[in-house]
C-alpha atoms as a PDB file:
ATOM      1  CA  UNK A   1     107.485 113.686 120.156  1.00  0.00           C
ATOM      2  CA  UNK A   2     103.784 113.147 120.889  1.00  0.00           C
ATOM      3  CA  UNK A   3     101.778 116.377 120.977  1.00  0.00           C
ATOM      4  CA  UNK A   4      98.982 116.679 123.545  1.00  0.00           C
ATOM      5  CA  UNK A   5      96.317 118.631 121.641  1.00  0.00           C
ATOM      6  CA  UNK A   6      94.346 119.296 124.835  1.00  0.00           C
ATOM      7  CA  UNK A   7      97.372 121.128 126.250  1.00  0.00           C
ATOM      8  CA  UNK A   8      97.778 123.103 123.012  1.00  0.00           C
ATOM      9  CA  UNK A   9      94.117 124.098 123.228  1.00  0.00           C
ATOM     10  CA  UNK A  10      94.497 125.213 126.855  1.00  0.00           C
ATOM     11  CA  UNK A  11      97.640 127.202 126.032  1.00  0.00           C
ATOM     12  CA  UNK A  12      95.929 128.897 123.093  1.00  0.00           C
ATOM     13  CA  UNK A  13      92.898 129.823 125.232  1.00  0.00           C
ATOM     14  CA  UNK A  14      95.076 131.484 127.884  1.00  0.00           C
ATOM     15  CA  UNK A  15      97.227 133.320 125.331  1.00  0.00           C
ATOM     16  CA  UNK A  16      94.090 134.652 123.604  1.00  0.00           C
ATOM     17  CA  UNK A  17      93.159 136.185 126.974  1.00  0.00           C
ATOM     18  CA  UNK A  18      96.548 137.990 127.154  1.00  0.00           C
ATOM     19  CA  UNK A  19      97.840 135.651 129.866  1.00  0.00           C
ATOM     20  CA  UNK A  20     101.461 134.462 130.226  1.00  0.00           C
ATOM     21  CA  UNK A  21     102.364 130.791 129.965  1.00  0.00           C
ATOM     22  CA  UNK A  22     105.642 128.856 129.861  1.00  0.00           C
ATOM     23  CA  UNK A  23     106.555 127.135 126.593  1.00  0.00           C
ATOM     24  CA  UNK A  24     109.276 124.607 125.720  1.00  0.00           C
ATOM     25  CA  UNK A  25     111.913 125.367 123.104  1.00  0.00           C
ATOM     26  CA  UNK A  26     115.050 123.533 122.011  1.00  0.00           C
ATOM     27  CA  UNK A  27     117.195 126.200 123.730  1.00  0.00           C
ATOM     28  CA  UNK A  28     115.484 126.987 127.071  1.00  0.00           C
ATOM     29  CA  UNK A  29     111.884 127.344 128.279  1.00  0.00           C
ATOM     30  CA  UNK A  30     110.239 130.659 127.448  1.00  0.00           C
ATOM     31  CA  UNK A  31     107.751 132.885 129.267  1.00  0.00           C
ATOM     32  CA  UNK A  32     105.301 133.553 126.442  1.00  0.00           C
ATOM     33  CA  UNK A  33     102.523 136.041 125.732  1.00  0.00           C
ATOM     34  CA  UNK A  34     100.807 137.740 122.784  1.00  0.00           C
ATOM     35  CA  UNK A  35     103.420 140.033 121.193  1.00  0.00           C
ATOM     36  CA  UNK A  36     100.669 142.280 119.779  1.00  0.00           C
ATOM     37  CA  UNK A  37      99.174 142.926 123.221  1.00  0.00           C
ATOM     38  CA  UNK A  38     100.552 145.717 125.402  1.00  0.00           C
ATOM     39  CA  UNK A  39      98.845 144.200 128.451  1.00  0.00           C
ATOM     40  CA  UNK A  40     100.285 140.745 127.812  1.00  0.00           C
ATOM     41  CA  UNK A  41     103.840 142.027 127.256  1.00  0.00           C
ATOM     42  CA  UNK A  42     103.672 144.067 130.466  1.00  0.00           C
ATOM     43  CA  UNK A  43     102.855 140.873 132.360  1.00  0.00           C
ATOM     44  CA  UNK A  44     106.076 139.278 131.115  1.00  0.00           C
ATOM     45  CA  UNK A  45     108.188 142.116 132.506  1.00  0.00           C
ATOM     46  CA  UNK A  46     106.311 142.055 135.817  1.00  0.00           C
ATOM     47  CA  UNK A  47     106.596 138.289 136.292  1.00  0.00           C
ATOM     48  CA  UNK A  48     110.298 138.163 135.408  1.00  0.00           C
ATOM     49  CA  UNK A  49     111.124 141.419 137.247  1.00  0.00           C
ATOM     50  CA  UNK A  50     112.809 142.316 133.982  1.00  0.00           C
ATOM     51  CA  UNK A  51     114.296 145.775 133.298  1.00  0.00           C
ATOM     52  CA  UNK A  52     112.107 147.699 130.850  1.00  0.00           C
ATOM     53  CA  UNK A  53     115.076 148.538 128.618  1.00  0.00           C
ATOM     54  CA  UNK A  54     115.671 144.843 127.885  1.00  0.00           C
ATOM     55  CA  UNK A  55     113.693 144.059 124.679  1.00  0.00           C
ATOM     56  CA  UNK A  56     111.938 140.733 124.092  1.00  0.00           C
ATOM     57  CA  UNK A  57     112.503 138.087 121.434  1.00  0.00           C
ATOM     58  CA  UNK A  58     109.363 137.414 119.411  1.00  0.00           C
ATOM     59  CA  UNK A  59     108.707 133.867 118.178  1.00  0.00           C
ATOM     60  CA  UNK A  60     107.092 133.027 114.836  1.00  0.00           C
ATOM     61  CA  UNK A  61     106.020 129.818 113.104  1.00  0.00           C
ATOM     62  CA  UNK A  62     107.610 130.757 109.756  1.00  0.00           C
ATOM     63  CA  UNK A  63     108.831 133.699 107.678  1.00  0.00           C
ATOM     64  CA  UNK A  64     105.425 134.097 105.998  1.00  0.00           C
ATOM     65  CA  UNK A  65     103.928 135.056 109.370  1.00  0.00           C
ATOM     66  CA  UNK A  66     106.839 137.430 109.999  1.00  0.00           C
ATOM     67  CA  UNK A  67     106.511 139.240 106.682  1.00  0.00           C
ATOM     68  CA  UNK A  68     103.828 141.653 107.942  1.00  0.00           C
ATOM     69  CA  UNK A  69     106.029 142.808 110.838  1.00  0.00           C
ATOM     70  CA  UNK A  70     109.613 143.008 109.532  1.00  0.00           C
ATOM     71  CA  UNK A  71     111.707 143.908 106.504  1.00  0.00           C
ATOM     72  CA  UNK A  72     113.768 141.065 105.012  1.00  0.00           C
ATOM     73  CA  UNK A  73     117.220 141.178 103.433  1.00  0.00           C
ATOM     74  CA  UNK A  74     119.438 138.674 101.612  1.00  0.00           C
ATOM     75  CA  UNK A  75     121.459 137.722 104.693  1.00  0.00           C
ATOM     76  CA  UNK A  76     118.267 136.899 106.590  1.00  0.00           C
ATOM     77  CA  UNK A  77     116.943 134.724 103.754  1.00  0.00           C
ATOM     78  CA  UNK A  78     120.230 132.772 103.520  1.00  0.00           C
ATOM     79  CA  UNK A  79     120.382 132.134 107.276  1.00  0.00           C
ATOM     80  CA  UNK A  80     116.667 131.349 107.535  1.00  0.00           C
ATOM     81  CA  UNK A  81     116.918 128.706 104.806  1.00  0.00           C
ATOM     82  CA  UNK A  82     119.923 127.054 106.479  1.00  0.00           C
ATOM     83  CA  UNK A  83     119.137 127.242 110.200  1.00  0.00           C
ATOM     84  CA  UNK A  84     115.409 127.757 110.750  1.00  0.00           C
ATOM     85  CA  UNK A  85     113.649 126.565 112.691  1.00  0.00           C
ATOM     86  CA  UNK A  86     116.541 126.580 115.130  1.00  0.00           C
ATOM     87  CA  UNK A  87     118.645 128.364 117.794  1.00  0.00           C
ATOM     88  CA  UNK A  88     119.254 131.662 115.997  1.00  0.00           C
ATOM     89  CA  UNK A  89     117.589 135.040 116.614  1.00  0.00           C
ATOM     90  CA  UNK A  90     117.623 137.840 114.023  1.00  0.00           C
ATOM     91  CA  UNK A  91     117.482 141.589 114.647  1.00  0.00           C
ATOM     92  CA  UNK A  92     115.509 143.058 111.740  1.00  0.00           C
ATOM     93  CA  UNK A  93     113.967 146.419 110.848  1.00  0.00           C
ATOM     94  CA  UNK A  94     110.394 146.706 112.043  1.00  0.00           C
ATOM     95  CA  UNK A  95     107.746 147.770 109.527  1.00  0.00           C
ATOM     96  CA  UNK A  96     105.985 151.036 110.386  1.00  0.00           C
ATOM     97  CA  UNK A  97     102.564 149.360 110.314  1.00  0.00           C
ATOM     98  CA  UNK A  98     103.581 146.419 112.532  1.00  0.00           C
ATOM     99  CA  UNK A  99     101.250 145.528 115.416  1.00  0.00           C
ATOM    100  CA  UNK A 100     104.114 144.445 117.697  1.00  0.00           C
ATOM    101  CA  UNK A 101     103.754 146.077 121.103  1.00  0.00           C
ATOM    102  CA  UNK A 102     106.260 148.860 121.797  1.00  0.00           C
ATOM    103  CA  UNK A 103     106.661 147.297 125.231  1.00  0.00           C
ATOM    104  CA  UNK A 104     108.275 144.285 123.537  1.00  0.00           C
ATOM    105  CA  UNK A 105     110.703 146.405 121.491  1.00  0.00           C
ATOM    106  CA  UNK A 106     111.478 149.030 124.151  1.00  0.00           C
ATOM    107  CA  UNK A 107     110.207 151.605 121.609  1.00  0.00           C
ATOM    108  CA  UNK A 108     112.897 150.604 119.094  1.00  0.00           C
ATOM    109  CA  UNK A 109     112.293 150.426 115.341  1.00  0.00           C
ATOM    110  CA  UNK A 110     113.821 146.952 115.237  1.00  0.00           C
ATOM    111  CA  UNK A 111     112.670 143.528 116.391  1.00  0.00           C
ATOM    112  CA  UNK A 112     114.407 140.371 117.638  1.00  0.00           C
ATOM    113  CA  UNK A 113     112.741 137.370 115.968  1.00  0.00           C
ATOM    114  CA  UNK A 114     113.165 133.612 116.218  1.00  0.00           C
ATOM    115  CA  UNK A 115     111.656 130.438 114.780  1.00  0.00           C
ATOM    116  CA  UNK A 116     111.832 127.778 117.522  1.00  0.00           C
ATOM    117  CA  UNK A 117     112.324 124.145 116.546  1.00  0.00           C
ATOM    118  CA  UNK A 118     110.489 122.389 119.385  1.00  0.00           C
ATOM    119  CA  UNK A 119     107.522 120.524 117.787  1.00  0.00           C
ATOM    120  CA  UNK A 120     105.062 121.380 120.563  1.00  0.00           C
ATOM    121  CA  UNK A 121     105.730 125.106 120.401  1.00  0.00           C
ATOM    122  CA  UNK A 122     105.717 125.006 116.600  1.00  0.00           C
ATOM    123  CA  UNK A 123     102.264 123.421 116.714  1.00  0.00           C
ATOM    124  CA  UNK A 124     101.102 126.163 119.070  1.00  0.00           C
ATOM    125  CA  UNK A 125     102.526 128.984 116.932  1.00  0.00           C
ATOM    126  CA  UNK A 126     100.944 127.531 113.795  1.00  0.00           C
ATOM    127  CA  UNK A 127      97.516 127.759 115.412  1.00  0.00           C
ATOM    128  CA  UNK A 128      97.786 131.302 116.797  1.00  0.00           C
ATOM    129  CA  UNK A 129      96.806 134.565 115.092  1.00  0.00           C
ATOM    130  CA  UNK A 130      99.744 136.380 116.678  1.00  0.00           C
ATOM    131  CA  UNK A 131     103.453 135.756 117.399  1.00  0.00           C
ATOM    132  CA  UNK A 132     104.708 135.110 120.921  1.00  0.00           C
ATOM    133  CA  UNK A 133     106.997 137.398 122.859  1.00  0.00           C
ATOM    134  CA  UNK A 134     108.981 134.916 124.921  1.00  0.00           C
ATOM    135  CA  UNK A 135     112.118 135.631 126.943  1.00  0.00           C
ATOM    136  CA  UNK A 136     113.568 132.808 129.028  1.00  0.00           C
ATOM    137  CA  UNK A 137     111.227 131.549 131.766  1.00  0.00           C
ATOM    138  CA  UNK A 138     113.273 132.555 134.802  1.00  0.00           C
ATOM    139  CA  UNK A 139     113.576 135.515 137.133  1.00  0.00           C
ATOM    140  CA  UNK A 140     115.710 138.317 135.702  1.00  0.00           C
ATOM    141  CA  UNK A 141     119.504 137.803 136.117  1.00  0.00           C
ATOM    142  CA  UNK A 142     118.960 134.193 137.285  1.00  0.00           C
ATOM    143  CA  UNK A 143     119.697 130.826 135.667  1.00  0.00           C
ATOM    144  CA  UNK A 144     117.484 129.963 132.705  1.00  0.00           C
ATOM    145  CA  UNK A 145     114.984 127.092 132.878  1.00  0.00           C
ATOM    146  CA  UNK A 146     115.588 123.955 130.809  1.00  0.00           C
ATOM    147  CA  UNK A 147     112.624 121.916 132.075  1.00  0.00           C
ATOM    148  CA  UNK A 148     109.177 122.495 133.555  1.00  0.00           C
ATOM    149  CA  UNK A 149     110.358 121.865 137.136  1.00  0.00           C
ATOM    150  CA  UNK A 150     112.842 124.768 136.774  1.00  0.00           C
ATOM    151  CA  UNK A 151     109.945 127.046 135.774  1.00  0.00           C
ATOM    152  CA  UNK A 152     107.887 125.892 138.770  1.00  0.00           C
ATOM    153  CA  UNK A 153     110.883 126.495 141.038  1.00  0.00           C
ATOM    154  CA  UNK A 154     111.143 130.124 139.900  1.00  0.00           C
ATOM    155  CA  UNK A 155     107.492 131.104 139.546  1.00  0.00           C
ATOM    156  CA  UNK A 156     105.332 128.638 141.481  1.00  0.00           C
ATOM    157  CA  UNK A 157     101.659 129.410 140.882  1.00  0.00           C
ATOM    158  CA  UNK A 158     102.325 132.859 139.389  1.00  0.00           C
ATOM    159  CA  UNK A 159     102.263 131.318 135.899  1.00  0.00           C
ATOM    160  CA  UNK A 160      98.853 130.177 134.674  1.00  0.00           C
ATOM    161  CA  UNK A 161     100.122 127.184 132.708  1.00  0.00           C
ATOM    162  CA  UNK A 162     103.324 125.363 131.728  1.00  0.00           C
ATOM    163  CA  UNK A 163     103.193 123.659 128.358  1.00  0.00           C
ATOM    164  CA  UNK A 164     105.191 120.496 129.034  1.00  0.00           C
ATOM    165  CA  UNK A 165     107.826 119.617 126.462  1.00  0.00           C
ATOM    166  CA  UNK A 166     110.526 117.671 128.282  1.00  0.00           C
ATOM    167  CA  UNK A 167     114.078 118.908 128.779  1.00  0.00           C
ATOM    168  CA  UNK A 168     115.522 121.429 126.316  1.00  0.00           C
ATOM    169  CA  UNK A 169     117.901 119.656 123.927  1.00  0.00           C
ATOM    170  CA  UNK A 170     120.402 122.521 123.464  1.00  0.00           C
ATOM    171  CA  UNK A 171     120.258 124.016 126.946  1.00  0.00           C
ATOM    172  CA  UNK A 172     121.555 127.540 126.252  1.00  0.00           C
ATOM    173  CA  UNK A 173     119.808 130.475 124.607  1.00  0.00           C
ATOM    174  CA  UNK A 174     119.824 131.253 120.888  1.00  0.00           C
ATOM    175  CA  UNK A 175     122.643 133.070 119.134  1.00  0.00           C
ATOM    176  CA  UNK A 176     121.542 136.636 118.305  1.00  0.00           C
ATOM    177  CA  UNK A 177     122.703 138.291 115.074  1.00  0.00           C
ATOM    178  CA  UNK A 178     121.931 141.878 114.049  1.00  0.00           C
ATOM    179  CA  UNK A 179     121.277 141.951 110.292  1.00  0.00           C
ATOM    180  CA  UNK A 180     120.260 145.584 109.852  1.00  0.00           C
ATOM    181  CA  UNK A 181     123.632 146.752 108.514  1.00  0.00           C
ATOM    182  CA  UNK A 182     126.850 144.750 108.629  1.00  0.00           C
ATOM    183  CA  UNK A 183     126.024 141.467 110.391  1.00  0.00           C
ATOM    184  CA  UNK A 184     127.220 141.344 113.988  1.00  0.00           C
ATOM    185  CA  UNK A 185     126.713 138.929 116.849  1.00  0.00           C
ATOM    186  CA  UNK A 186     124.970 140.468 119.865  1.00  0.00           C
ATOM    187  CA  UNK A 187     124.763 137.304 121.968  1.00  0.00           C
ATOM    188  CA  UNK A 188     126.687 134.051 121.812  1.00  0.00           C
ATOM    189  CA  UNK A 189     124.375 131.062 121.909  1.00  0.00           C
ATOM    190  CA  UNK A 190     123.469 127.571 120.785  1.00  0.00           C
ATOM    191  CA  UNK A 191     124.554 128.084 117.168  1.00  0.00           C
ATOM    192  CA  UNK A 192     128.287 128.451 116.577  1.00  0.00           C
ATOM    193  CA  UNK A 193     129.463 131.643 114.843  1.00  0.00           C
ATOM    194  CA  UNK A 194     131.636 129.628 112.449  1.00  0.00           C
ATOM    195  CA  UNK A 195     128.514 127.970 111.005  1.00  0.00           C
ATOM    196  CA  UNK A 196     126.919 131.391 110.371  1.00  0.00           C
ATOM    197  CA  UNK A 197     130.104 132.709 108.766  1.00  0.00           C
ATOM    198  CA  UNK A 198     130.228 129.758 106.380  1.00  0.00           C
ATOM    199  CA  UNK A 199     126.700 130.477 105.128  1.00  0.00           C
ATOM    200  CA  UNK A 200     127.233 134.229 104.697  1.00  0.00           C
ATOM    201  CA  UNK A 201     130.790 133.736 103.430  1.00  0.00           C
ATOM    202  CA  UNK A 202     132.073 136.669 105.469  1.00  0.00           C
ATOM    203  CA  UNK A 203     133.610 137.395 108.847  1.00  0.00           C
ATOM    204  CA  UNK A 204     131.136 138.577 111.473  1.00  0.00           C
ATOM    205  CA  UNK A 205     131.824 141.100 114.216  1.00  0.00           C
ATOM    206  CA  UNK A 206     130.999 140.260 117.834  1.00  0.00           C
ATOM    207  CA  UNK A 207     129.438 143.020 119.927  1.00  0.00           C
ATOM    208  CA  UNK A 208     128.009 141.228 122.963  1.00  0.00           C
ATOM    209  CA  UNK A 209     129.103 143.863 125.502  1.00  0.00           C
ATOM    210  CA  UNK A 210     127.816 147.162 124.039  1.00  0.00           C
ATOM    211  CA  UNK A 211     127.498 150.480 125.878  1.00  0.00           C
ATOM    212  CA  UNK A 212     123.743 150.381 125.158  1.00  0.00           C
ATOM    213  CA  UNK A 213     121.534 147.289 125.492  1.00  0.00           C
ATOM    214  CA  UNK A 214     120.628 146.249 121.942  1.00  0.00           C
ATOM    215  CA  UNK A 215     119.245 142.782 122.616  1.00  0.00           C
ATOM    216  CA  UNK A 216     118.554 140.237 125.385  1.00  0.00           C
ATOM    217  CA  UNK A 217     121.534 138.615 127.108  1.00  0.00           C
ATOM    218  CA  UNK A 218     123.770 141.711 127.132  1.00  0.00           C
ATOM    219  CA  UNK A 219     123.505 142.750 130.774  1.00  0.00           C
ATOM    220  CA  UNK A 220     126.766 142.217 132.670  1.00  0.00           C
ATOM    221  CA  UNK A 221     124.990 140.234 135.431  1.00  0.00           C
ATOM    222  CA  UNK A 222     122.991 137.368 133.980  1.00  0.00           C
ATOM    223  CA  UNK A 223     122.437 133.584 134.304  1.00  0.00           C
ATOM    224  CA  UNK A 224     123.383 133.647 137.993  1.00  0.00           C
ATOM    225  CA  UNK A 225     122.606 130.761 140.399  1.00  0.00           C
ATOM    226  CA  UNK A 226     122.663 133.318 143.207  1.00  0.00           C
ATOM    227  CA  UNK A 227     126.053 132.398 144.675  1.00  0.00           C
ATOM    228  CA  UNK A 228     129.592 133.648 143.859  1.00  0.00           C
ATOM    229  CA  UNK A 229     131.488 132.026 140.975  1.00  0.00           C
ATOM    230  CA  UNK A 230     135.271 131.990 140.505  1.00  0.00           C
ATOM    231  CA  UNK A 231     136.622 131.252 137.027  1.00  0.00           C
ATOM    232  CA  UNK A 232     139.713 129.397 135.729  1.00  0.00           C
ATOM    233  CA  UNK A 233     140.401 128.011 139.190  1.00  0.00           C
ATOM    234  CA  UNK A 234     143.171 125.508 139.962  1.00  0.00           C
ATOM    235  CA  UNK A 235     142.787 125.382 143.748  1.00  0.00           C
ATOM    236  CA  UNK A 236     139.370 124.717 145.327  1.00  0.00           C
ATOM    237  CA  UNK A 237     138.551 126.345 148.652  1.00  0.00           C
ATOM    238  CA  UNK A 238     136.948 124.559 151.607  1.00  0.00           C
ATOM    239  CA  UNK A 239     133.171 124.310 151.277  1.00  0.00           C
ATOM    240  CA  UNK A 240     133.266 125.245 147.606  1.00  0.00           C
ATOM    241  CA  UNK A 241     131.745 123.292 144.707  1.00  0.00           C
ATOM    242  CA  UNK A 242     134.116 122.488 141.851  1.00  0.00           C
ATOM    243  CA  UNK A 243     132.728 122.587 138.295  1.00  0.00           C
ATOM    244  CA  UNK A 244     134.737 121.072 135.440  1.00  0.00           C
ATOM    245  CA  UNK A 245     134.123 120.522 131.745  1.00  0.00           C
ATOM    246  CA  UNK A 246     134.623 116.750 132.025  1.00  0.00           C
ATOM    247  CA  UNK A 247     134.517 113.992 134.610  1.00  0.00           C
ATOM    248  CA  UNK A 248     137.646 113.559 136.710  1.00  0.00           C
ATOM    249  CA  UNK A 249     139.172 110.140 137.381  1.00  0.00           C
ATOM    250  CA  UNK A 250     138.750 110.714 141.114  1.00  0.00           C
ATOM    251  CA  UNK A 251     135.506 112.522 141.731  1.00  0.00           C
ATOM    252  CA  UNK A 252     134.938 113.984 145.180  1.00  0.00           C
ATOM    253  CA  UNK A 253     131.529 114.817 146.638  1.00  0.00           C
ATOM    254  CA  UNK A 254     131.902 118.506 145.777  1.00  0.00           C
ATOM    255  CA  UNK A 255     132.974 117.803 142.160  1.00  0.00           C
ATOM    256  CA  UNK A 256     130.491 118.409 139.349  1.00  0.00           C
ATOM    257  CA  UNK A 257     131.085 117.911 135.638  1.00  0.00           C
ATOM    258  CA  UNK A 258     129.269 119.102 132.508  1.00  0.00           C
ATOM    259  CA  UNK A 259     130.203 116.212 130.240  1.00  0.00           C
ATOM    260  CA  UNK A 260     131.658 112.737 130.814  1.00  0.00           C
ATOM    261  CA  UNK A 261     134.222 113.173 128.047  1.00  0.00           C
ATOM    262  CA  UNK A 262     134.423 116.967 127.729  1.00  0.00           C
ATOM    263  CA  UNK A 263     132.020 117.261 124.784  1.00  0.00           C
ATOM    264  CA  UNK A 264     131.150 120.976 124.480  1.00  0.00           C
ATOM    265  CA  UNK A 265     127.680 120.359 123.051  1.00  0.00           C
ATOM    266  CA  UNK A 266     126.801 118.092 125.981  1.00  0.00           C
ATOM    267  CA  UNK A 267     128.423 120.544 128.400  1.00  0.00           C
ATOM    268  CA  UNK A 268     126.270 123.435 127.130  1.00  0.00           C
ATOM    269  CA  UNK A 269     123.143 121.298 127.481  1.00  0.00           C
ATOM    270  CA  UNK A 270     123.977 120.503 131.120  1.00  0.00           C
ATOM    271  CA  UNK A 271     125.256 123.934 132.222  1.00  0.00           C
ATOM    272  CA  UNK A 272     122.110 125.473 133.722  1.00  0.00           C
ATOM    273  CA  UNK A 273     120.800 122.285 135.340  1.00  0.00           C
ATOM    274  CA  UNK A 274     124.215 121.753 136.973  1.00  0.00           C
ATOM    275  CA  UNK A 275     124.348 125.323 138.313  1.00  0.00           C
ATOM    276  CA  UNK A 276     120.878 124.841 139.791  1.00  0.00           C
ATOM    277  CA  UNK A 277     121.895 121.519 141.371  1.00  0.00           C
ATOM    278  CA  UNK A 278     124.973 123.052 143.003  1.00  0.00           C
ATOM    279  CA  UNK A 279     122.801 125.792 144.524  1.00  0.00           C
ATOM    280  CA  UNK A 280     120.287 123.179 145.782  1.00  0.00           C
ATOM    281  CA  UNK A 281     123.149 121.201 147.324  1.00  0.00           C
ATOM    282  CA  UNK A 282     123.746 124.298 149.478  1.00  0.00           C
ATOM    283  CA  UNK A 283     127.261 125.217 148.372  1.00  0.00           C
ATOM    284  CA  UNK A 284     128.022 128.876 149.011  1.00  0.00           C
ATOM    285  CA  UNK A 285     130.295 129.368 146.001  1.00  0.00           C
ATOM    286  CA  UNK A 286     131.485 127.652 142.814  1.00  0.00           C
ATOM    287  CA  UNK A 287     135.036 127.224 141.515  1.00  0.00           C
ATOM    288  CA  UNK A 288     135.104 126.659 137.760  1.00  0.00           C
ATOM    289  CA  UNK A 289     138.006 124.990 135.985  1.00  0.00           C
ATOM    290  CA  UNK A 290     139.269 126.254 132.640  1.00  0.00           C
ATOM    291  CA  UNK A 291     136.648 125.864 129.877  1.00  0.00           C
ATOM    292  CA  UNK A 292     138.073 125.608 126.322  1.00  0.00           C
ATOM    293  CA  UNK A 293     137.251 128.907 124.603  1.00  0.00           C
ATOM    294  CA  UNK A 294     136.237 127.426 121.262  1.00  0.00           C
ATOM    295  CA  UNK A 295     132.938 126.473 119.619  1.00  0.00           C
ATOM    296  CA  UNK A 296     130.171 126.240 122.210  1.00  0.00           C
ATOM    297  CA  UNK A 297     132.856 126.677 124.865  1.00  0.00           C
ATOM    298  CA  UNK A 298     132.726 130.392 124.024  1.00  0.00           C
ATOM    299  CA  UNK A 299     129.013 130.418 124.859  1.00  0.00           C
ATOM    300  CA  UNK A 300     129.587 128.529 128.119  1.00  0.00           C
ATOM    301  CA  UNK A 301     132.327 130.988 129.106  1.00  0.00           C
ATOM    302  CA  UNK A 302     130.093 133.948 128.248  1.00  0.00           C
ATOM    303  CA  UNK A 303     127.370 132.606 130.559  1.00  0.00           C
ATOM    304  CA  UNK A 304     129.788 131.875 133.401  1.00  0.00           C
ATOM    305  CA  UNK A 305     131.489 135.279 133.135  1.00  0.00           C
ATOM    306  CA  UNK A 306     128.104 137.041 133.405  1.00  0.00           C
ATOM    307  CA  UNK A 307     127.010 134.733 136.239  1.00  0.00           C
ATOM    308  CA  UNK A 308     130.245 135.541 138.105  1.00  0.00           C
ATOM    309  CA  UNK A 309     129.241 139.220 138.388  1.00  0.00           C
ATOM    310  CA  UNK A 310     126.950 138.243 141.295  1.00  0.00           C
END
C-alpha cells in the first residue's frame, strides 16, 4: 500500500497538538489521540460519548516502545512474536512511572495494548514520540467503522482529520487477552482463540461478560445499528431485513448475506458494513439466521448478541 507522507505529516502535527484524528487499522478504524495527554484522552471520550469506566486500548509501534510503560511476561513475549503486529490486544501490568493518562486506563494499574498491522498507521506510530489511545471510531454503542466514509457518517466535521487507509481487511475488533495472571479472553475478536491456545499450549478461559468492565467491548449493548435485531430466526416478518451467513439461491430484495459461500472470515469482514447498509435501506428491524458458532462465527455471534440488546 502506498503511503502518503503528506497525510502522515498532517496527522502527526494534529496529534502533537493533542487533537483527535481517525486512523485506519486492519480491524476497524480508530479514534486516536496522544495516550500521554489527559486533554487528548478526554477528547476521545467526549467525541464518542463513551462511558468513563470503559478504558481505552493504546497502540504502539513495537514492544521496545511499550517497555517503558508495561511489565512483560513469558506469555506476552510468545504471543507477540507469533501474532504482532496483528489483531490481538494484551492486558498488562502498568509500570508505576508510566506516563499513560489515567483517563485512558480508568485509574487502573493495567493497560490494554495493541500493535496494529496497517502499514499507514504503523508508519505514523513509528514517527511519534508517544503511543496512541484509539478506541473504534464510532459513537458509543453503535456499529464500528471499517472505512473513512463510516467515520464521516458518525462524526462529520467533529473530527479534525481522517487518515485514509482504505477498507479494514479484518472488519471486527481485536481479540483481547488478559495476561496478568492466568490468561483469559476478555473480548472475542479477529484472532481465533484456538490459534492463541496453540501458541501458549494451554486452555484459555473466556470472561467476556464480567460483573465489572475490565476492557473495551464488554458492555451488554454494543455494535448496534440502531434498530432491533432478532437472532436465530427461521421466519421473517413483513418489512424486516433478513441477514444470513451465505447467499441464498433465491435472494429477495430484503435478503442480505455476509459471504457468498458462507466463509466466516469473509462474513466477519462484511458484518459492520452490512449492518450499516440495512439501516440506510430504512428497514426497521433485522432477522438474523443461525450463524455457526465456531471460529470467527463466535465473534460474529458475540457482536450480534450485543447489538440485539438495543
